[in-house]
């Protein structure tokens, strides 16, 4: 059993509410969905899925945030079947071409890669298949940046499924450090690293922040790729600055256009220079230099 917040209204009100709540709850990362339920009468619905223990507080914050929008939220309950929805949703995904890379599942192994670098990512409990705008955007930016920039020490921070670390290892044929706060992500990453036969090049670690010994052992880094979220990216700017070499570059993703100024401000305070911004499916990738 799970509870969530639900409301119905006009397309204008529901879409405005969805945009506003994404900003209000961006730090919590709650799932928010808006969709049409009655095309004839123009009725839309919005659902917000917070953690159960926080429902009352989230409802109060939601009502306060949407004071100017005339929609009424209520609690709803749903029975959730024990299904690995992450794996289920990834089954049968078509290959994705992103810059010099092509990301595919095991069912497409052996296909014609059209001269691109193949990265096989199977369904698993970790973020990163190449289909999301943040991952595809990072791969496109890396394809461009690494034509003229040649880093010696590379870190994939928040590696998830390790799609970026694998791509970097195949492109550079050198050691890539890949870390994540989630042990399950690192298990998935290690499986994908072995499947792609880049295990001699990729070193993984479960690490929260920059306190793990691997950062001191392998750093400072010439390139750090961090495909996370705007909030954590801002908070870790000082530590990231301490672990990047002078003249090193960082590629930041997982942020929306309205978050760009805040992220750039956090990194400018740490003596980073903005080089470029790339947008992919509504998500931004920032390239900065220390």
C-alpha atoms as a PDB file:
ATOM      1  CA  UNK A   1       0.000   0.000   0.000  1.00  0.00           C
ATOM      2  CA  UNK A   2       1.259   3.467  -0.841  1.00  0.00           C
ATOM      3  CA  UNK A   3      -0.263   6.931  -0.573  1.00  0.00           C
ATOM      4  CA  UNK A   4       0.217   9.882  -2.875  1.00  0.00           C
ATOM      5  CA  UNK A   5      -1.215  13.351  -3.494  1.00  0.00           C
ATOM      6  CA  UNK A   6      -3.626  13.818  -6.389  1.00  0.00           C
ATOM      7  CA  UNK A   7      -5.507  16.734  -7.950  1.00  0.00           C
ATOM      8  CA  UNK A   8      -7.494  17.515 -11.092  1.00  0.00           C
ATOM      9  CA  UNK A   9      -7.984  20.780 -12.972  1.00  0.00           C
ATOM     10  CA  UNK A  10      -7.552  22.638 -16.217  1.00  0.00           C
ATOM     11  CA  UNK A  11      -4.513  21.980 -18.398  1.00  0.00           C
ATOM     12  CA  UNK A  12      -3.189  25.467 -17.602  1.00  0.00           C
ATOM     13  CA  UNK A  13      -3.494  25.071 -13.824  1.00  0.00           C
ATOM     14  CA  UNK A  14      -2.149  21.507 -13.686  1.00  0.00           C
ATOM     15  CA  UNK A  15       0.846  22.243 -15.920  1.00  0.00           C
ATOM     16  CA  UNK A  16       1.641  25.385 -13.935  1.00  0.00           C
ATOM     17  CA  UNK A  17       1.392  23.396 -10.690  1.00  0.00           C
ATOM     18  CA  UNK A  18       3.708  20.693 -12.033  1.00  0.00           C
ATOM     19  CA  UNK A  19       6.361  23.220 -13.055  1.00  0.00           C
ATOM     20  CA  UNK A  20       6.147  24.986  -9.698  1.00  0.00           C
ATOM     21  CA  UNK A  21       6.282  21.812  -7.606  1.00  0.00           C
ATOM     22  CA  UNK A  22       9.311  20.532  -9.521  1.00  0.00           C
ATOM     23  CA  UNK A  23      11.154  23.627  -8.287  1.00  0.00           C
ATOM     24  CA  UNK A  24       9.766  23.457  -4.725  1.00  0.00           C
ATOM     25  CA  UNK A  25      10.669  19.774  -4.267  1.00  0.00           C
ATOM     26  CA  UNK A  26      13.781  19.548  -6.459  1.00  0.00           C
ATOM     27  CA  UNK A  27      15.996  18.752  -3.443  1.00  0.00           C
ATOM     28  CA  UNK A  28      13.759  15.847  -2.330  1.00  0.00           C
ATOM     29  CA  UNK A  29      13.529  14.391  -5.840  1.00  0.00           C
ATOM     30  CA  UNK A  30       9.878  13.338  -5.505  1.00  0.00           C
ATOM     31  CA  UNK A  31       8.192  11.887  -8.574  1.00  0.00           C
ATOM     32  CA  UNK A  32       5.679  14.354 -10.041  1.00  0.00           C
ATOM     33  CA  UNK A  33       3.518  13.460 -13.030  1.00  0.00           C
ATOM     34  CA  UNK A  34       0.894  15.461 -14.911  1.00  0.00           C
ATOM     35  CA  UNK A  35      -1.344  14.001 -17.603  1.00  0.00           C
ATOM     36  CA  UNK A  36      -4.598  14.512 -19.495  1.00  0.00           C
ATOM     37  CA  UNK A  37      -7.579  12.465 -18.282  1.00  0.00           C
ATOM     38  CA  UNK A  38     -10.474  14.015 -20.224  1.00  0.00           C
ATOM     39  CA  UNK A  39      -9.586  15.365 -23.671  1.00  0.00           C
ATOM     40  CA  UNK A  40     -13.157  16.490 -24.443  1.00  0.00           C
ATOM     41  CA  UNK A  41     -13.434  18.716 -21.365  1.00  0.00           C
ATOM     42  CA  UNK A  42      -9.744  19.618 -21.098  1.00  0.00           C
ATOM     43  CA  UNK A  43      -9.310  18.022 -17.671  1.00  0.00           C
ATOM     44  CA  UNK A  44      -5.797  17.170 -16.474  1.00  0.00           C
ATOM     45  CA  UNK A  45      -4.492  15.459 -13.338  1.00  0.00           C
ATOM     46  CA  UNK A  46      -1.326  15.722 -11.278  1.00  0.00           C
ATOM     47  CA  UNK A  47       0.176  13.162  -8.887  1.00  0.00           C
ATOM     48  CA  UNK A  48       2.948  13.705  -6.337  1.00  0.00           C
ATOM     49  CA  UNK A  49       4.650  10.682  -4.771  1.00  0.00           C
ATOM     50  CA  UNK A  50       6.506  11.611  -1.555  1.00  0.00           C
ATOM     51  CA  UNK A  51       7.663   9.254   1.194  1.00  0.00           C
ATOM     52  CA  UNK A  52       4.696   8.070   3.292  1.00  0.00           C
ATOM     53  CA  UNK A  53       5.993   9.415   6.591  1.00  0.00           C
ATOM     54  CA  UNK A  54       6.174  12.942   5.152  1.00  0.00           C
ATOM     55  CA  UNK A  55       2.725  13.096   3.557  1.00  0.00           C
ATOM     56  CA  UNK A  56       1.141  15.596   5.967  1.00  0.00           C
ATOM     57  CA  UNK A  57       4.109  17.950   5.783  1.00  0.00           C
ATOM     58  CA  UNK A  58       4.326  17.645   2.000  1.00  0.00           C
ATOM     59  CA  UNK A  59       0.608  18.386   1.639  1.00  0.00           C
ATOM     60  CA  UNK A  60       0.992  21.540   3.737  1.00  0.00           C
ATOM     61  CA  UNK A  61       3.989  22.689   1.682  1.00  0.00           C
ATOM     62  CA  UNK A  62       2.136  21.905  -1.549  1.00  0.00           C
ATOM     63  CA  UNK A  63      -0.917  23.932  -0.566  1.00  0.00           C
ATOM     64  CA  UNK A  64       1.273  26.860   0.482  1.00  0.00           C
ATOM     65  CA  UNK A  65       3.298  26.748  -2.737  1.00  0.00           C
ATOM     66  CA  UNK A  66       0.173  26.626  -4.910  1.00  0.00           C
ATOM     67  CA  UNK A  67      -1.844  29.233  -3.036  1.00  0.00           C
ATOM     68  CA  UNK A  68      -2.455  31.194  -6.256  1.00  0.00           C
ATOM     69  CA  UNK A  69      -3.536  28.121  -8.272  1.00  0.00           C
ATOM     70  CA  UNK A  70      -7.093  26.928  -7.728  1.00  0.00           C
ATOM     71  CA  UNK A  71      -6.713  23.151  -7.536  1.00  0.00           C
ATOM     72  CA  UNK A  72      -7.468  20.884  -4.574  1.00  0.00           C
ATOM     73  CA  UNK A  73      -5.199  18.011  -3.561  1.00  0.00           C
ATOM     74  CA  UNK A  74      -6.361  14.865  -1.804  1.00  0.00           C
ATOM     75  CA  UNK A  75      -4.748  11.668  -0.534  1.00  0.00           C
ATOM     76  CA  UNK A  76      -5.052   8.532  -2.648  1.00  0.00           C
ATOM     77  CA  UNK A  77      -3.992   4.981  -1.875  1.00  0.00           C
ATOM     78  CA  UNK A  78      -2.702   2.377  -4.311  1.00  0.00           C
ATOM     79  CA  UNK A  79      -1.656  -1.252  -3.954  1.00  0.00           C
ATOM     80  CA  UNK A  80       1.857  -1.686  -5.320  1.00  0.00           C
ATOM     81  CA  UNK A  81       2.840  -5.036  -6.779  1.00  0.00           C
ATOM     82  CA  UNK A  82       6.360  -6.207  -5.909  1.00  0.00           C
ATOM     83  CA  UNK A  83       7.928  -5.548  -9.306  1.00  0.00           C
ATOM     84  CA  UNK A  84      11.372  -4.261 -10.229  1.00  0.00           C
ATOM     85  CA  UNK A  85       9.948  -1.403 -12.280  1.00  0.00           C
ATOM     86  CA  UNK A  86      13.410  -0.064 -13.140  1.00  0.00           C
ATOM     87  CA  UNK A  87      14.380  -3.298 -14.878  1.00  0.00           C
ATOM     88  CA  UNK A  88      10.933  -3.729 -16.408  1.00  0.00           C
ATOM     89  CA  UNK A  89      10.905  -0.236 -17.891  1.00  0.00           C
ATOM     90  CA  UNK A  90      14.330  -0.727 -19.464  1.00  0.00           C
ATOM     91  CA  UNK A  91      13.505  -3.996 -21.225  1.00  0.00           C
ATOM     92  CA  UNK A  92      13.412  -3.644 -24.986  1.00  0.00           C
ATOM     93  CA  UNK A  93      14.836  -0.131 -25.166  1.00  0.00           C
ATOM     94  CA  UNK A  94      16.119   0.697 -28.620  1.00  0.00           C
ATOM     95  CA  UNK A  95      19.779   1.654 -29.128  1.00  0.00           C
ATOM     96  CA  UNK A  96      20.636   5.317 -28.592  1.00  0.00           C
ATOM     97  CA  UNK A  97      23.235   7.180 -30.628  1.00  0.00           C
ATOM     98  CA  UNK A  98      24.929   9.934 -28.633  1.00  0.00           C
ATOM     99  CA  UNK A  99      27.943  11.594 -30.188  1.00  0.00           C
ATOM    100  CA  UNK A 100      30.645   9.015 -30.829  1.00  0.00           C
ATOM    101  CA  UNK A 101      28.763   6.415 -28.748  1.00  0.00           C
ATOM    102  CA  UNK A 102      25.894   4.010 -29.257  1.00  0.00           C
ATOM    103  CA  UNK A 103      24.222   2.633 -26.128  1.00  0.00           C
ATOM    104  CA  UNK A 104      22.384  -0.699 -26.440  1.00  0.00           C
ATOM    105  CA  UNK A 105      21.069  -3.669 -24.496  1.00  0.00           C
ATOM    106  CA  UNK A 106      22.162  -7.292 -24.701  1.00  0.00           C
ATOM    107  CA  UNK A 107      19.429  -8.027 -27.255  1.00  0.00           C
ATOM    108  CA  UNK A 108      21.237  -5.711 -29.707  1.00  0.00           C
ATOM    109  CA  UNK A 109      24.721  -7.111 -29.135  1.00  0.00           C
ATOM    110  CA  UNK A 110      26.534  -7.716 -32.416  1.00  0.00           C
ATOM    111  CA  UNK A 111      24.569  -5.093 -34.327  1.00  0.00           C
ATOM    112  CA  UNK A 112      26.171  -2.706 -36.798  1.00  0.00           C
ATOM    113  CA  UNK A 113      27.459   0.168 -34.626  1.00  0.00           C
ATOM    114  CA  UNK A 114      28.123   2.425 -37.644  1.00  0.00           C
ATOM    115  CA  UNK A 115      31.657   3.201 -36.519  1.00  0.00           C
ATOM    116  CA  UNK A 116      30.535   4.392 -33.081  1.00  0.00           C
ATOM    117  CA  UNK A 117      31.828   3.182 -29.722  1.00  0.00           C
ATOM    118  CA  UNK A 118      29.356   0.543 -28.423  1.00  0.00           C
ATOM    119  CA  UNK A 119      28.375   0.518 -24.750  1.00  0.00           C
ATOM    120  CA  UNK A 120      26.138  -2.332 -23.594  1.00  0.00           C
ATOM    121  CA  UNK A 121      23.913  -1.424 -20.637  1.00  0.00           C
ATOM    122  CA  UNK A 122      21.349  -3.943 -19.458  1.00  0.00           C
ATOM    123  CA  UNK A 123      18.308  -3.325 -17.264  1.00  0.00           C
ATOM    124  CA  UNK A 124      19.371  -2.850 -13.667  1.00  0.00           C
ATOM    125  CA  UNK A 125      18.825  -0.964 -10.415  1.00  0.00           C
ATOM    126  CA  UNK A 126      20.946   2.058 -11.297  1.00  0.00           C
ATOM    127  CA  UNK A 127      20.494   5.278 -13.220  1.00  0.00           C
ATOM    128  CA  UNK A 128      21.955   5.650 -16.687  1.00  0.00           C
ATOM    129  CA  UNK A 129      20.970   3.955 -19.938  1.00  0.00           C
ATOM    130  CA  UNK A 130      21.796   6.701 -22.427  1.00  0.00           C
ATOM    131  CA  UNK A 131      18.092   7.326 -23.046  1.00  0.00           C
ATOM    132  CA  UNK A 132      17.782  10.130 -20.497  1.00  0.00           C
ATOM    133  CA  UNK A 133      18.727  13.631 -21.632  1.00  0.00           C
ATOM    134  CA  UNK A 134      21.365  14.033 -18.923  1.00  0.00           C
ATOM    135  CA  UNK A 135      23.273  10.881 -19.900  1.00  0.00           C
ATOM    136  CA  UNK A 136      22.939  11.383 -23.646  1.00  0.00           C
ATOM    137  CA  UNK A 137      23.976  15.015 -23.223  1.00  0.00           C
ATOM    138  CA  UNK A 138      27.097  14.040 -21.277  1.00  0.00           C
ATOM    139  CA  UNK A 139      28.080  11.505 -23.931  1.00  0.00           C
ATOM    140  CA  UNK A 140      27.692  14.106 -26.688  1.00  0.00           C
ATOM    141  CA  UNK A 141      29.729  16.666 -24.754  1.00  0.00           C
ATOM    142  CA  UNK A 142      32.462  14.108 -23.981  1.00  0.00           C
ATOM    143  CA  UNK A 143      32.585  13.173 -27.675  1.00  0.00           C
ATOM    144  CA  UNK A 144      33.289  16.791 -28.515  1.00  0.00           C
ATOM    145  CA  UNK A 145      35.535  17.807 -25.613  1.00  0.00           C
ATOM    146  CA  UNK A 146      37.866  14.798 -25.772  1.00  0.00           C
ATOM    147  CA  UNK A 147      38.773  15.466 -29.400  1.00  0.00           C
ATOM    148  CA  UNK A 148      41.012  18.283 -28.217  1.00  0.00           C
ATOM    149  CA  UNK A 149      41.353  17.791 -24.464  1.00  0.00           C
ATOM    150  CA  UNK A 150      43.339  14.796 -23.210  1.00  0.00           C
ATOM    151  CA  UNK A 151      43.007  14.220 -19.438  1.00  0.00           C
ATOM    152  CA  UNK A 152      45.280  11.763 -17.628  1.00  0.00           C
ATOM    153  CA  UNK A 153      43.243  11.267 -14.424  1.00  0.00           C
ATOM    154  CA  UNK A 154      39.484  10.927 -14.848  1.00  0.00           C
ATOM    155  CA  UNK A 155      36.642  10.614 -12.324  1.00  0.00           C
ATOM    156  CA  UNK A 156      33.000   9.656 -13.010  1.00  0.00           C
ATOM    157  CA  UNK A 157      31.289  10.944  -9.848  1.00  0.00           C
ATOM    158  CA  UNK A 158      27.869   9.391  -9.199  1.00  0.00           C
ATOM    159  CA  UNK A 159      28.474   6.740 -11.828  1.00  0.00           C
ATOM    160  CA  UNK A 160      25.118   4.913 -11.561  1.00  0.00           C
ATOM    161  CA  UNK A 161      25.188   2.170 -14.204  1.00  0.00           C
ATOM    162  CA  UNK A 162      28.729   3.279 -15.213  1.00  0.00           C
ATOM    163  CA  UNK A 163      27.662   4.149 -18.753  1.00  0.00           C
ATOM    164  CA  UNK A 164      29.881   7.264 -18.750  1.00  0.00           C
ATOM    165  CA  UNK A 165      32.839   5.479 -17.144  1.00  0.00           C
ATOM    166  CA  UNK A 166      32.586   2.667 -19.687  1.00  0.00           C
ATOM    167  CA  UNK A 167      32.393   5.109 -22.574  1.00  0.00           C
ATOM    168  CA  UNK A 168      35.395   7.019 -21.243  1.00  0.00           C
ATOM    169  CA  UNK A 169      37.397   3.810 -20.771  1.00  0.00           C
ATOM    170  CA  UNK A 170      36.661   2.660 -24.325  1.00  0.00           C
ATOM    171  CA  UNK A 171      37.528   6.041 -25.758  1.00  0.00           C
ATOM    172  CA  UNK A 172      40.668   6.824 -23.723  1.00  0.00           C
ATOM    173  CA  UNK A 173      41.990   3.299 -22.979  1.00  0.00           C
ATOM    174  CA  UNK A 174      43.208   4.447 -19.541  1.00  0.00           C
ATOM    175  CA  UNK A 175      42.170   4.230 -15.898  1.00  0.00           C
ATOM    176  CA  UNK A 176      38.784   5.739 -15.007  1.00  0.00           C
ATOM    177  CA  UNK A 177      37.697   6.090 -11.372  1.00  0.00           C
ATOM    178  CA  UNK A 178      33.939   5.579 -10.918  1.00  0.00           C
ATOM    179  CA  UNK A 179      32.219   6.229  -7.580  1.00  0.00           C
ATOM    180  CA  UNK A 180      28.654   6.262  -6.284  1.00  0.00           C
ATOM    181  CA  UNK A 181      26.975   6.716  -2.913  1.00  0.00           C
ATOM    182  CA  UNK A 182      24.741   3.663  -3.551  1.00  0.00           C
ATOM    183  CA  UNK A 183      26.220   0.133  -3.134  1.00  0.00           C
ATOM    184  CA  UNK A 184      23.580  -1.340  -5.490  1.00  0.00           C
ATOM    185  CA  UNK A 185      24.652   1.112  -8.199  1.00  0.00           C
ATOM    186  CA  UNK A 186      28.268   0.011  -7.808  1.00  0.00           C
ATOM    187  CA  UNK A 187      27.227  -3.656  -8.066  1.00  0.00           C
ATOM    188  CA  UNK A 188      25.352  -2.843 -11.280  1.00  0.00           C
ATOM    189  CA  UNK A 189      28.273  -0.749 -12.502  1.00  0.00           C
ATOM    190  CA  UNK A 190      30.731  -3.605 -11.921  1.00  0.00           C
ATOM    191  CA  UNK A 191      28.489  -5.999 -13.876  1.00  0.00           C
ATOM    192  CA  UNK A 192      28.300  -3.567 -16.804  1.00  0.00           C
ATOM    193  CA  UNK A 193      32.044  -2.927 -16.672  1.00  0.00           C
ATOM    194  CA  UNK A 194      32.723  -6.672 -16.988  1.00  0.00           C
ATOM    195  CA  UNK A 195      30.159  -7.087 -19.782  1.00  0.00           C
ATOM    196  CA  UNK A 196      31.871  -4.317 -21.750  1.00  0.00           C
ATOM    197  CA  UNK A 197      35.305  -5.826 -21.030  1.00  0.00           C
ATOM    198  CA  UNK A 198      36.771  -2.604 -19.629  1.00  0.00           C
ATOM    199  CA  UNK A 199      37.440  -3.980 -16.120  1.00  0.00           C
ATOM    200  CA  UNK A 200      41.208  -3.475 -16.541  1.00  0.00           C
ATOM    201  CA  UNK A 201      40.569   0.267 -16.904  1.00  0.00           C
ATOM    202  CA  UNK A 202      37.749   1.131 -14.459  1.00  0.00           C
ATOM    203  CA  UNK A 203      38.212   1.305 -10.683  1.00  0.00           C
ATOM    204  CA  UNK A 204      34.988   1.583  -8.668  1.00  0.00           C
ATOM    205  CA  UNK A 205      34.216   2.537  -5.070  1.00  0.00           C
ATOM    206  CA  UNK A 206      31.192   3.187  -2.870  1.00  0.00           C
ATOM    207  CA  UNK A 207      31.850   6.728  -1.712  1.00  0.00           C
ATOM    208  CA  UNK A 208      29.744   9.444  -0.099  1.00  0.00           C
ATOM    209  CA  UNK A 209      31.182  12.845  -0.972  1.00  0.00           C
ATOM    210  CA  UNK A 210      34.963  13.069  -1.236  1.00  0.00           C
ATOM    211  CA  UNK A 211      35.924  11.407   2.059  1.00  0.00           C
ATOM    212  CA  UNK A 212      36.918   8.047   0.545  1.00  0.00           C
ATOM    213  CA  UNK A 213      40.704   7.350   0.320  1.00  0.00           C
ATOM    214  CA  UNK A 214      40.405   6.667  -3.423  1.00  0.00           C
ATOM    215  CA  UNK A 215      40.149  10.403  -4.157  1.00  0.00           C
ATOM    216  CA  UNK A 216      43.457  11.195  -2.469  1.00  0.00           C
ATOM    217  CA  UNK A 217      45.091   8.106  -3.988  1.00  0.00           C
ATOM    218  CA  UNK A 218      43.956   8.694  -7.582  1.00  0.00           C
ATOM    219  CA  UNK A 219      43.542  12.493  -7.657  1.00  0.00           C
ATOM    220  CA  UNK A 220      43.740  15.328  -8.243  1.00  0.00           C
ATOM    221  CA  UNK A 221      41.787  14.722 -11.444  1.00  0.00           C
ATOM    222  CA  UNK A 222      42.143  16.367 -14.835  1.00  0.00           C
ATOM    223  CA  UNK A 223      38.506  15.612 -15.696  1.00  0.00           C
ATOM    224  CA  UNK A 224      35.514  15.074 -13.404  1.00  0.00           C
ATOM    225  CA  UNK A 225      32.126  14.140 -14.843  1.00  0.00           C
ATOM    226  CA  UNK A 226      29.243  14.561 -12.379  1.00  0.00           C
ATOM    227  CA  UNK A 227      25.783  13.683 -13.685  1.00  0.00           C
ATOM    228  CA  UNK A 228      23.815  14.140 -10.474  1.00  0.00           C
ATOM    229  CA  UNK A 229      21.348  16.913  -9.486  1.00  0.00           C
ATOM    230  CA  UNK A 230      21.632  20.680  -9.102  1.00  0.00           C
ATOM    231  CA  UNK A 231      21.383  20.689  -5.298  1.00  0.00           C
ATOM    232  CA  UNK A 232      24.176  18.165  -4.638  1.00  0.00           C
ATOM    233  CA  UNK A 233      26.313  19.730  -7.380  1.00  0.00           C
ATOM    234  CA  UNK A 234      26.170  23.104  -5.598  1.00  0.00           C
ATOM    235  CA  UNK A 235      26.898  21.605  -2.172  1.00  0.00           C
ATOM    236  CA  UNK A 236      29.923  19.646  -3.369  1.00  0.00           C
ATOM    237  CA  UNK A 237      31.484  22.530  -5.346  1.00  0.00           C
ATOM    238  CA  UNK A 238      34.152  23.291  -2.675  1.00  0.00           C
ATOM    239  CA  UNK A 239      35.182  19.623  -2.334  1.00  0.00           C
ATOM    240  CA  UNK A 240      35.135  19.122  -6.081  1.00  0.00           C
ATOM    241  CA  UNK A 241      37.405  22.154  -6.465  1.00  0.00           C
ATOM    242  CA  UNK A 242      39.895  20.599  -4.039  1.00  0.00           C
ATOM    243  CA  UNK A 243      40.024  17.397  -6.089  1.00  0.00           C
ATOM    244  CA  UNK A 244      40.454  18.888  -9.565  1.00  0.00           C
ATOM    245  CA  UNK A 245      43.869  19.779 -10.959  1.00  0.00           C
ATOM    246  CA  UNK A 246      44.645  23.346 -11.995  1.00  0.00           C
ATOM    247  CA  UNK A 247      43.463  23.650 -15.585  1.00  0.00           C
ATOM    248  CA  UNK A 248      41.258  20.586 -15.134  1.00  0.00           C
ATOM    249  CA  UNK A 249      37.732  20.426 -16.472  1.00  0.00           C
ATOM    250  CA  UNK A 250      34.421  19.406 -14.952  1.00  0.00           C
ATOM    251  CA  UNK A 251      31.323  18.338 -16.842  1.00  0.00           C
ATOM    252  CA  UNK A 252      28.179  18.842 -14.777  1.00  0.00           C
ATOM    253  CA  UNK A 253      24.736  17.515 -15.638  1.00  0.00           C
ATOM    254  CA  UNK A 254      21.422  16.652 -14.045  1.00  0.00           C
ATOM    255  CA  UNK A 255      20.194  20.245 -13.987  1.00  0.00           C
ATOM    256  CA  UNK A 256      17.356  22.150 -15.617  1.00  0.00           C
ATOM    257  CA  UNK A 257      17.656  25.520 -17.384  1.00  0.00           C
ATOM    258  CA  UNK A 258      16.314  27.505 -14.410  1.00  0.00           C
ATOM    259  CA  UNK A 259      19.051  25.975 -12.192  1.00  0.00           C
ATOM    260  CA  UNK A 260      21.944  27.033 -14.440  1.00  0.00           C
ATOM    261  CA  UNK A 261      22.666  30.396 -12.795  1.00  0.00           C
ATOM    262  CA  UNK A 262      22.736  28.910  -9.286  1.00  0.00           C
ATOM    263  CA  UNK A 263      25.122  26.112 -10.265  1.00  0.00           C
ATOM    264  CA  UNK A 264      27.410  28.464 -12.188  1.00  0.00           C
ATOM    265  CA  UNK A 265      27.510  30.868  -9.240  1.00  0.00           C
ATOM    266  CA  UNK A 266      28.549  28.050  -6.878  1.00  0.00           C
ATOM    267  CA  UNK A 267      31.433  27.043  -9.133  1.00  0.00           C
ATOM    268  CA  UNK A 268      32.579  30.553  -9.971  1.00  0.00           C
ATOM    269  CA  UNK A 269      33.079  31.041  -6.239  1.00  0.00           C
ATOM    270  CA  UNK A 270      35.558  28.138  -6.454  1.00  0.00           C
ATOM    271  CA  UNK A 271      37.506  29.764  -9.328  1.00  0.00           C
ATOM    272  CA  UNK A 272      35.948  27.799 -12.173  1.00  0.00           C
ATOM    273  CA  UNK A 273      35.518  29.389 -15.581  1.00  0.00           C
ATOM    274  CA  UNK A 274      32.436  28.592 -17.661  1.00  0.00           C
ATOM    275  CA  UNK A 275      33.393  27.225 -21.080  1.00  0.00           C
ATOM    276  CA  UNK A 276      30.115  26.074 -22.615  1.00  0.00           C
ATOM    277  CA  UNK A 277      26.519  24.970 -22.032  1.00  0.00           C
ATOM    278  CA  UNK A 278      24.835  22.173 -23.964  1.00  0.00           C
ATOM    279  CA  UNK A 279      21.128  21.292 -23.842  1.00  0.00           C
ATOM    280  CA  UNK A 280      19.631  17.858 -24.489  1.00  0.00           C
ATOM    281  CA  UNK A 281      15.894  17.208 -24.170  1.00  0.00           C
ATOM    282  CA  UNK A 282      15.426  20.050 -21.694  1.00  0.00           C
ATOM    283  CA  UNK A 283      18.445  19.121 -19.532  1.00  0.00           C
ATOM    284  CA  UNK A 284      21.707  21.066 -19.384  1.00  0.00           C
ATOM    285  CA  UNK A 285      25.349  19.997 -19.451  1.00  0.00           C
ATOM    286  CA  UNK A 286      27.888  22.570 -18.232  1.00  0.00           C
ATOM    287  CA  UNK A 287      31.596  22.485 -19.087  1.00  0.00           C
ATOM    288  CA  UNK A 288      33.829  24.373 -16.655  1.00  0.00           C
ATOM    289  CA  UNK A 289      37.583  24.801 -16.238  1.00  0.00           C
ATOM    290  CA  UNK A 290      39.513  25.300 -12.982  1.00  0.00           C
END
